[in-house]
Amino acid sequence: VRVGKDWLNKIEDKLPEFPDARRDRFVSVFKLSETDSDELTQDKVFADYFEKVTSHLKSKDEKSYRAAGNIVRVEVRKVMNEKKLSIEQFTISERIIAMLVDSISSGKISITASKEVFTNLLNGKTEEEQIKIFNDSESNLSQVSDLSEIETIVKKILEENPKEVERY
């Protein structure tokens, strides 16, 4: 029996991406380490979740992809293990995780603050609730990175507390 090249190509196109090929693609496209890529691609549905997170990212760069990988590998996996959940049962949507990653990547919140935001997000039952929780948490935990803004705040505090400045 002889099989034509066209027929073989059609069959290959219908096959799902194999885990090793997906891991290699995560390394080359998302610039993740082989270890991180291995963890993300051990389960097809888990890898799908990660890819959906990346599809919602505003900033599609190496820093954002790595942050997304870390949150999915560490924070999401931790909750799944603690609560004995599958990724399908995990309650925070890919879109919300992407919002969290974008907030970290833009410098609006720190990685430390992101862990608190993530924990807060677990309290939301719907995506709408999670968006509200995210927005509230982000504004409460946002960091100031602009040096001139920090200097202005420090000067104001010093001016309002001259006795403490003198005592120092």
N, C-alpha and C. Protein backbone atom coordinates (compact mmCIF):
# COMPACT_ATOMS: atom_id res chain seq x y z
N VAL A 1 0.84 -1.17 0.00
CA VAL A 1 0.00 0.00 0.00
C VAL A 1 0.89 1.24 0.00
N ARG A 2 0.59 2.13 -0.89
CA ARG A 2 1.33 3.38 -0.97
C ARG A 2 0.42 4.51 -0.49
N VAL A 3 1.01 5.38 0.30
CA VAL A 3 0.26 6.50 0.85
C VAL A 3 0.84 7.78 0.27
N GLY A 4 -0.03 8.64 -0.22
CA GLY A 4 0.41 9.89 -0.81
C GLY A 4 0.83 10.92 0.24
N LYS A 5 1.71 11.80 -0.15
CA LYS A 5 2.22 12.87 0.74
C LYS A 5 1.08 13.78 1.21
N ASP A 6 0.15 14.11 0.31
CA ASP A 6 -0.99 14.95 0.68
C ASP A 6 -1.82 14.32 1.79
N TRP A 7 -2.06 13.03 1.64
CA TRP A 7 -2.87 12.32 2.64
C TRP A 7 -2.14 12.32 3.99
N LEU A 8 -0.83 12.08 3.97
CA LEU A 8 -0.04 12.10 5.21
C LEU A 8 -0.08 13.47 5.86
N ASN A 9 0.05 14.53 5.07
CA ASN A 9 0.02 15.89 5.61
C ASN A 9 -1.32 16.19 6.25
N LYS A 10 -2.42 15.74 5.64
CA LYS A 10 -3.75 15.95 6.21
C LYS A 10 -3.88 15.25 7.56
N ILE A 11 -3.37 14.04 7.66
CA ILE A 11 -3.43 13.28 8.91
C ILE A 11 -2.57 13.98 9.97
N GLU A 12 -1.37 14.41 9.61
CA GLU A 12 -0.48 15.09 10.56
C GLU A 12 -1.11 16.38 11.08
N ASP A 13 -1.81 17.10 10.22
CA ASP A 13 -2.45 18.35 10.63
C ASP A 13 -3.57 18.12 11.64
N LYS A 14 -4.17 16.94 11.62
CA LYS A 14 -5.27 16.63 12.55
C LYS A 14 -4.78 16.11 13.89
N LEU A 15 -3.52 15.69 13.95
CA LEU A 15 -2.98 15.17 15.20
C LEU A 15 -2.73 16.31 16.19
N PRO A 16 -2.94 16.05 17.48
CA PRO A 16 -2.61 17.09 18.46
C PRO A 16 -1.09 17.24 18.58
N GLU A 17 -0.69 18.36 19.10
CA GLU A 17 0.73 18.60 19.32
C GLU A 17 1.21 17.66 20.43
N PHE A 18 2.29 16.97 20.19
CA PHE A 18 2.82 16.05 21.18
C PHE A 18 3.50 16.83 22.31
N PRO A 19 3.50 16.26 23.54
CA PRO A 19 4.07 16.99 24.69
C PRO A 19 5.51 17.47 24.48
N ASP A 20 6.36 16.64 23.88
CA ASP A 20 7.76 17.06 23.67
C ASP A 20 7.83 18.25 22.70
N ALA A 21 7.02 18.21 21.66
CA ALA A 21 7.00 19.32 20.70
C ALA A 21 6.46 20.58 21.36
N ARG A 22 5.46 20.41 22.22
CA ARG A 22 4.87 21.57 22.92
C ARG A 22 5.89 22.16 23.88
N ARG A 23 6.60 21.28 24.61
CA ARG A 23 7.63 21.76 25.53
C ARG A 23 8.68 22.56 24.77
N ASP A 24 9.13 22.03 23.64
CA ASP A 24 10.13 22.73 22.84
C ASP A 24 9.61 24.07 22.34
N ARG A 25 8.33 24.11 21.98
CA ARG A 25 7.73 25.37 21.52
C ARG A 25 7.66 26.38 22.68
N PHE A 26 7.34 25.91 23.89
CA PHE A 26 7.30 26.81 25.05
C PHE A 26 8.68 27.41 25.31
N VAL A 27 9.72 26.60 25.10
CA VAL A 27 11.09 27.09 25.29
C VAL A 27 11.41 28.14 24.22
N SER A 28 11.08 27.85 22.97
CA SER A 28 11.47 28.77 21.89
C SER A 28 10.56 29.99 21.78
N VAL A 29 9.26 29.82 21.93
CA VAL A 29 8.33 30.94 21.75
C VAL A 29 8.22 31.79 23.03
N PHE A 30 8.04 31.14 24.17
CA PHE A 30 7.82 31.87 25.42
C PHE A 30 9.12 32.12 26.20
N LYS A 31 10.22 31.57 25.71
CA LYS A 31 11.54 31.74 26.33
C LYS A 31 11.56 31.23 27.78
N LEU A 32 10.82 30.14 28.03
CA LEU A 32 10.81 29.51 29.34
C LEU A 32 11.94 28.50 29.42
N SER A 33 12.38 28.19 30.63
CA SER A 33 13.41 27.17 30.79
C SER A 33 12.80 25.81 30.45
N GLU A 34 13.66 24.85 30.19
CA GLU A 34 13.16 23.49 29.90
C GLU A 34 12.42 22.93 31.10
N THR A 35 12.92 23.21 32.30
CA THR A 35 12.26 22.72 33.51
C THR A 35 10.86 23.31 33.65
N ASP A 36 10.74 24.61 33.47
CA ASP A 36 9.42 25.26 33.55
C ASP A 36 8.49 24.73 32.47
N SER A 37 9.03 24.58 31.27
CA SER A 37 8.23 24.07 30.16
C SER A 37 7.78 22.64 30.41
N ASP A 38 8.67 21.83 30.99
CA ASP A 38 8.29 20.45 31.35
C ASP A 38 7.11 20.44 32.30
N GLU A 39 7.20 21.28 33.34
CA GLU A 39 6.11 21.34 34.33
C GLU A 39 4.80 21.77 33.69
N LEU A 40 4.86 22.73 32.80
CA LEU A 40 3.64 23.26 32.19
C LEU A 40 3.02 22.30 31.18
N THR A 41 3.84 21.43 30.59
CA THR A 41 3.32 20.57 29.53
C THR A 41 3.10 19.13 29.97
N GLN A 42 3.23 18.83 31.25
CA GLN A 42 2.98 17.47 31.72
C GLN A 42 1.54 17.05 31.51
N ASP A 43 0.65 18.02 31.55
CA ASP A 43 -0.78 17.75 31.38
C ASP A 43 -1.31 18.69 30.29
N LYS A 44 -1.98 18.14 29.30
CA LYS A 44 -2.46 18.92 28.17
C LYS A 44 -3.37 20.07 28.60
N VAL A 45 -4.31 19.79 29.50
CA VAL A 45 -5.28 20.82 29.90
C VAL A 45 -4.58 21.93 30.69
N PHE A 46 -3.57 21.57 31.48
CA PHE A 46 -2.80 22.55 32.23
C PHE A 46 -2.02 23.44 31.26
N ALA A 47 -1.41 22.82 30.25
CA ALA A 47 -0.68 23.58 29.22
C ALA A 47 -1.63 24.49 28.45
N ASP A 48 -2.84 23.99 28.17
CA ASP A 48 -3.85 24.81 27.49
C ASP A 48 -4.19 26.04 28.32
N TYR A 49 -4.33 25.86 29.65
CA TYR A 49 -4.64 26.97 30.55
C TYR A 49 -3.55 28.04 30.45
N PHE A 50 -2.28 27.60 30.52
CA PHE A 50 -1.17 28.54 30.41
C PHE A 50 -1.23 29.30 29.09
N GLU A 51 -1.46 28.59 28.00
CA GLU A 51 -1.50 29.26 26.69
C GLU A 51 -2.66 30.24 26.60
N LYS A 52 -3.78 29.94 27.24
CA LYS A 52 -4.91 30.88 27.24
C LYS A 52 -4.54 32.12 28.04
N VAL A 53 -3.80 31.94 29.14
CA VAL A 53 -3.32 33.10 29.91
C VAL A 53 -2.47 33.98 29.00
N THR A 54 -1.53 33.38 28.28
CA THR A 54 -0.64 34.18 27.42
C THR A 54 -1.41 34.87 26.30
N SER A 55 -2.49 34.26 25.84
CA SER A 55 -3.27 34.88 24.76
C SER A 55 -3.99 36.15 25.23
N HIS A 56 -4.22 36.27 26.54
CA HIS A 56 -4.89 37.45 27.10
C HIS A 56 -3.92 38.55 27.54
N LEU A 57 -2.63 38.27 27.52
CA LEU A 57 -1.65 39.26 27.98
C LEU A 57 -1.64 40.48 27.06
N LYS A 58 -1.53 41.66 27.67
CA LYS A 58 -1.37 42.88 26.88
C LYS A 58 0.04 42.95 26.34
N SER A 59 0.99 42.64 27.19
CA SER A 59 2.40 42.71 26.81
C SER A 59 2.88 41.29 26.50
N LYS A 60 3.18 41.05 25.26
CA LYS A 60 3.61 39.71 24.84
C LYS A 60 5.13 39.71 24.71
N ASP A 61 5.77 39.73 25.87
CA ASP A 61 7.23 39.72 25.88
C ASP A 61 7.73 38.66 26.85
N GLU A 62 9.03 38.45 26.83
CA GLU A 62 9.65 37.40 27.63
C GLU A 62 9.35 37.55 29.12
N LYS A 63 9.42 38.79 29.62
CA LYS A 63 9.16 39.04 31.04
C LYS A 63 7.73 38.62 31.41
N SER A 64 6.77 38.97 30.58
CA SER A 64 5.37 38.62 30.86
C SER A 64 5.13 37.13 30.75
N TYR A 65 5.73 36.49 29.74
CA TYR A 65 5.57 35.05 29.59
C TYR A 65 6.15 34.30 30.79
N ARG A 66 7.30 34.75 31.26
CA ARG A 66 7.91 34.09 32.43
C ARG A 66 7.07 34.31 33.69
N ALA A 67 6.56 35.52 33.87
CA ALA A 67 5.70 35.78 35.03
C ALA A 67 4.45 34.92 34.96
N ALA A 68 3.88 34.81 33.78
CA ALA A 68 2.68 33.96 33.60
C ALA A 68 3.02 32.51 33.93
N GLY A 69 4.15 32.05 33.42
CA GLY A 69 4.58 30.68 33.70
C GLY A 69 4.77 30.44 35.18
N ASN A 70 5.38 31.39 35.87
CA ASN A 70 5.61 31.24 37.31
C ASN A 70 4.31 31.21 38.09
N ILE A 71 3.39 32.10 37.76
CA ILE A 71 2.12 32.12 38.48
C ILE A 71 1.34 30.83 38.25
N VAL A 72 1.30 30.38 37.01
CA VAL A 72 0.56 29.15 36.72
C VAL A 72 1.25 27.95 37.36
N ARG A 73 2.56 27.85 37.21
CA ARG A 73 3.30 26.70 37.75
C ARG A 73 3.28 26.65 39.27
N VAL A 74 3.43 27.81 39.91
CA VAL A 74 3.59 27.84 41.37
C VAL A 74 2.26 28.10 42.08
N GLU A 75 1.67 29.26 41.83
CA GLU A 75 0.48 29.66 42.59
C GLU A 75 -0.75 28.82 42.23
N VAL A 76 -1.01 28.69 40.93
CA VAL A 76 -2.19 27.92 40.51
C VAL A 76 -2.03 26.46 40.93
N ARG A 77 -0.85 25.89 40.66
CA ARG A 77 -0.61 24.48 41.02
C ARG A 77 -0.73 24.25 42.53
N LYS A 78 -0.25 25.21 43.32
CA LYS A 78 -0.33 25.09 44.78
C LYS A 78 -1.78 24.99 45.24
N VAL A 79 -2.63 25.85 44.72
CA VAL A 79 -4.06 25.83 45.09
C VAL A 79 -4.69 24.52 44.61
N MET A 80 -4.35 24.10 43.41
CA MET A 80 -4.89 22.85 42.89
C MET A 80 -4.51 21.68 43.80
N ASN A 81 -3.25 21.63 44.23
CA ASN A 81 -2.80 20.55 45.10
C ASN A 81 -3.45 20.61 46.48
N GLU A 82 -3.51 21.82 47.06
CA GLU A 82 -4.09 21.97 48.41
C GLU A 82 -5.57 21.60 48.44
N LYS A 83 -6.29 22.02 47.39
CA LYS A 83 -7.74 21.79 47.36
C LYS A 83 -8.13 20.55 46.55
N LYS A 84 -7.11 19.85 46.05
CA LYS A 84 -7.34 18.65 45.24
C LYS A 84 -8.28 18.94 44.07
N LEU A 85 -7.90 19.97 43.30
CA LEU A 85 -8.69 20.40 42.15
C LEU A 85 -7.98 20.04 40.85
N SER A 86 -8.74 19.86 39.81
CA SER A 86 -8.17 19.79 38.47
C SER A 86 -8.13 21.23 37.95
N ILE A 87 -7.44 21.44 36.87
CA ILE A 87 -7.38 22.80 36.31
C ILE A 87 -8.77 23.25 35.85
N GLU A 88 -9.60 22.31 35.44
CA GLU A 88 -10.97 22.66 35.03
C GLU A 88 -11.80 23.16 36.22
N GLN A 89 -11.45 22.73 37.42
CA GLN A 89 -12.17 23.14 38.61
C GLN A 89 -11.59 24.41 39.24
N PHE A 90 -10.42 24.82 38.79
CA PHE A 90 -9.78 26.03 39.32
C PHE A 90 -10.63 27.23 38.96
N THR A 91 -10.86 28.12 39.92
CA THR A 91 -11.89 29.16 39.76
C THR A 91 -11.42 30.48 39.14
N ILE A 92 -10.12 30.74 39.09
CA ILE A 92 -9.67 32.01 38.52
C ILE A 92 -9.45 31.82 37.02
N SER A 93 -10.11 32.63 36.23
CA SER A 93 -10.03 32.48 34.78
C SER A 93 -8.67 32.91 34.24
N GLU A 94 -8.39 32.44 33.06
CA GLU A 94 -7.13 32.78 32.38
C GLU A 94 -7.03 34.29 32.18
N ARG A 95 -8.13 34.92 31.88
CA ARG A 95 -8.15 36.37 31.66
C ARG A 95 -7.72 37.14 32.92
N ILE A 96 -8.20 36.69 34.07
CA ILE A 96 -7.87 37.35 35.34
C ILE A 96 -6.38 37.14 35.67
N ILE A 97 -5.89 35.93 35.45
CA ILE A 97 -4.45 35.68 35.69
C ILE A 97 -3.62 36.57 34.76
N ALA A 98 -4.05 36.73 33.53
CA ALA A 98 -3.33 37.61 32.59
C ALA A 98 -3.34 39.06 33.10
N MET A 99 -4.45 39.50 33.67
CA MET A 99 -4.50 40.86 34.23
C MET A 99 -3.48 41.00 35.35
N LEU A 100 -3.37 39.98 36.18
CA LEU A 100 -2.40 39.98 37.28
C LEU A 100 -0.98 40.05 36.72
N VAL A 101 -0.69 39.24 35.72
CA VAL A 101 0.64 39.24 35.09
C VAL A 101 0.94 40.61 34.49
N ASP A 102 -0.02 41.19 33.79
CA ASP A 102 0.20 42.51 33.19
C ASP A 102 0.50 43.56 34.26
N SER A 103 -0.16 43.46 35.39
CA SER A 103 0.06 44.40 36.47
C SER A 103 1.48 44.27 37.05
N ILE A 104 1.97 43.04 37.13
CA ILE A 104 3.34 42.80 37.60
C ILE A 104 4.33 43.32 36.56
N SER A 105 4.11 42.93 35.31
CA SER A 105 5.05 43.29 34.22
C SER A 105 5.16 44.80 34.03
N SER A 106 4.06 45.50 34.24
CA SER A 106 4.08 46.96 34.07
C SER A 106 4.69 47.66 35.28
N GLY A 107 4.92 46.93 36.37
CA GLY A 107 5.47 47.52 37.57
C GLY A 107 4.43 48.15 38.48
N LYS A 108 3.17 47.96 38.15
CA LYS A 108 2.11 48.56 38.97
C LYS A 108 2.06 47.92 40.36
N ILE A 109 2.25 46.60 40.41
CA ILE A 109 2.35 45.92 41.70
C ILE A 109 3.60 45.07 41.71
N SER A 110 4.09 44.79 42.90
CA SER A 110 5.29 43.96 43.05
C SER A 110 4.91 42.48 43.02
N ILE A 111 5.90 41.65 42.87
CA ILE A 111 5.66 40.20 42.89
C ILE A 111 5.12 39.81 44.26
N THR A 112 5.63 40.40 45.32
CA THR A 112 5.14 40.12 46.67
C THR A 112 3.67 40.49 46.79
N ALA A 113 3.30 41.67 46.31
CA ALA A 113 1.90 42.10 46.36
C ALA A 113 1.02 41.22 45.50
N SER A 114 1.58 40.69 44.40
CA SER A 114 0.78 39.85 43.51
C SER A 114 0.30 38.59 44.20
N LYS A 115 1.08 38.09 45.14
CA LYS A 115 0.66 36.89 45.89
C LYS A 115 -0.57 37.19 46.74
N GLU A 116 -0.61 38.39 47.31
CA GLU A 116 -1.78 38.79 48.09
C GLU A 116 -3.00 38.99 47.18
N VAL A 117 -2.77 39.60 46.03
CA VAL A 117 -3.86 39.79 45.07
C VAL A 117 -4.39 38.43 44.64
N PHE A 118 -3.49 37.50 44.34
CA PHE A 118 -3.89 36.15 43.93
C PHE A 118 -4.75 35.49 45.00
N THR A 119 -4.32 35.58 46.25
CA THR A 119 -5.09 35.00 47.35
C THR A 119 -6.47 35.65 47.44
N ASN A 120 -6.53 36.95 47.28
CA ASN A 120 -7.82 37.66 47.31
C ASN A 120 -8.73 37.19 46.18
N LEU A 121 -8.14 36.94 45.01
CA LEU A 121 -8.93 36.52 43.85
C LEU A 121 -9.63 35.19 44.08
N LEU A 122 -9.06 34.35 44.93
CA LEU A 122 -9.67 33.05 45.21
C LEU A 122 -11.03 33.19 45.89
N ASN A 123 -11.30 34.37 46.46
CA ASN A 123 -12.59 34.61 47.12
C ASN A 123 -13.71 34.94 46.13
N GLY A 124 -13.35 35.28 44.91
CA GLY A 124 -14.35 35.64 43.90
C GLY A 124 -14.98 34.39 43.30
N LYS A 125 -16.28 34.36 43.26
CA LYS A 125 -16.99 33.20 42.70
C LYS A 125 -17.19 33.32 41.19
N THR A 126 -17.32 34.53 40.71
CA THR A 126 -17.53 34.75 39.27
C THR A 126 -16.40 35.62 38.74
N GLU A 127 -16.26 35.67 37.43
CA GLU A 127 -15.23 36.51 36.83
C GLU A 127 -15.49 37.98 37.15
N GLU A 128 -16.76 38.39 37.18
CA GLU A 128 -17.09 39.78 37.51
C GLU A 128 -16.63 40.13 38.93
N GLU A 129 -16.87 39.22 39.87
CA GLU A 129 -16.41 39.44 41.25
C GLU A 129 -14.89 39.51 41.28
N GLN A 130 -14.24 38.63 40.53
CA GLN A 130 -12.78 38.62 40.51
C GLN A 130 -12.21 39.90 39.92
N ILE A 131 -12.87 40.44 38.92
CA ILE A 131 -12.41 41.71 38.33
C ILE A 131 -12.50 42.82 39.37
N LYS A 132 -13.59 42.86 40.12
CA LYS A 132 -13.75 43.87 41.18
C LYS A 132 -12.68 43.68 42.26
N ILE A 133 -12.49 42.43 42.69
CA ILE A 133 -11.46 42.13 43.69
C ILE A 133 -10.09 42.54 43.17
N PHE A 134 -9.81 42.20 41.91
CA PHE A 134 -8.52 42.55 41.31
C PHE A 134 -8.30 44.06 41.32
N ASN A 135 -9.28 44.80 40.83
CA ASN A 135 -9.15 46.26 40.76
C ASN A 135 -8.96 46.87 42.14
N ASP A 136 -9.74 46.41 43.13
CA ASP A 136 -9.59 46.93 44.49
C ASP A 136 -8.21 46.59 45.05
N SER A 137 -7.80 45.33 44.90
CA SER A 137 -6.51 44.89 45.43
C SER A 137 -5.36 45.61 44.75
N GLU A 138 -5.45 45.75 43.44
CA GLU A 138 -4.38 46.41 42.69
C GLU A 138 -4.21 47.85 43.14
N SER A 139 -5.32 48.57 43.32
CA SER A 139 -5.20 49.97 43.73
C SER A 139 -4.70 50.09 45.17
N ASN A 140 -5.06 49.15 46.03
CA ASN A 140 -4.59 49.19 47.42
C ASN A 140 -3.12 48.79 47.56
N LEU A 141 -2.64 47.97 46.64
CA LEU A 141 -1.28 47.42 46.76
C LEU A 141 -0.31 47.95 45.70
N SER A 142 -0.74 48.96 44.94
CA SER A 142 0.13 49.45 43.88
C SER A 142 1.38 50.09 44.47
N GLN A 143 2.45 49.95 43.74
CA GLN A 143 3.73 50.49 44.20
C GLN A 143 4.07 51.74 43.41
N VAL A 144 4.82 52.62 44.08
CA VAL A 144 5.27 53.85 43.43
C VAL A 144 6.70 53.62 42.99
N SER A 145 6.94 53.76 41.69
CA SER A 145 8.29 53.54 41.15
C SER A 145 8.92 54.83 40.63
N ASP A 146 8.13 55.86 40.47
CA ASP A 146 8.61 57.13 39.94
C ASP A 146 9.35 57.88 41.06
N LEU A 147 10.67 58.09 40.88
CA LEU A 147 11.50 58.72 41.91
C LEU A 147 11.02 60.12 42.28
N SER A 148 10.57 60.90 41.32
CA SER A 148 10.12 62.25 41.64
C SER A 148 8.86 62.20 42.50
N GLU A 149 8.01 61.22 42.26
CA GLU A 149 6.80 61.08 43.08
C GLU A 149 7.17 60.65 44.50
N ILE A 150 8.16 59.77 44.61
CA ILE A 150 8.62 59.33 45.93
C ILE A 150 9.24 60.50 46.69
N GLU A 151 10.06 61.29 45.99
CA GLU A 151 10.70 62.46 46.62
C GLU A 151 9.64 63.44 47.12
N THR A 152 8.61 63.68 46.34
CA THR A 152 7.53 64.59 46.73
C THR A 152 6.84 64.09 48.00
N ILE A 153 6.58 62.79 48.05
CA ILE A 153 5.93 62.21 49.22
C ILE A 153 6.81 62.33 50.45
N VAL A 154 8.10 62.03 50.30
CA VAL A 154 9.04 62.11 51.42
C VAL A 154 9.16 63.55 51.93
N LYS A 155 9.28 64.52 51.01
CA LYS A 155 9.37 65.93 51.41
C LYS A 155 8.13 66.36 52.18
N LYS A 156 6.97 65.94 51.72
CA LYS A 156 5.72 66.29 52.38
C LYS A 156 5.69 65.72 53.80
N ILE A 157 6.10 64.47 53.94
CA ILE A 157 6.12 63.84 55.26
C ILE A 157 7.09 64.56 56.19
N LEU A 158 8.26 64.90 55.66
CA LEU A 158 9.25 65.61 56.47
C LEU A 158 8.75 66.99 56.89
N GLU A 159 8.10 67.71 55.98
CA GLU A 159 7.56 69.03 56.29
C GLU A 159 6.45 68.95 57.32
N GLU A 160 5.68 67.91 57.29
CA GLU A 160 4.56 67.76 58.23
C GLU A 160 5.01 67.25 59.60
N ASN A 161 6.26 66.83 59.72
CA ASN A 161 6.76 66.28 60.98
C ASN A 161 8.11 66.88 61.35
N PRO A 162 8.17 68.22 61.54
CA PRO A 162 9.47 68.85 61.80
C PRO A 162 10.10 68.41 63.12
N LYS A 163 9.29 68.11 64.13
CA LYS A 163 9.86 67.68 65.43
C LYS A 163 10.58 66.34 65.28
N GLU A 164 10.03 65.47 64.50
CA GLU A 164 10.66 64.16 64.29
C GLU A 164 11.95 64.31 63.50
N VAL A 165 11.96 65.25 62.54
CA VAL A 165 13.16 65.50 61.73
C VAL A 165 14.25 66.06 62.64
N GLU A 166 13.88 67.00 63.50
CA GLU A 166 14.84 67.61 64.42
C GLU A 166 15.39 66.58 65.41
N ARG A 167 14.51 65.70 65.87
CA ARG A 167 14.90 64.66 66.83
C ARG A 167 15.88 63.67 66.19
N TYR A 168 15.70 63.41 64.91
CA TYR A 168 16.56 62.48 64.20
C TYR A 168 17.95 63.07 64.04
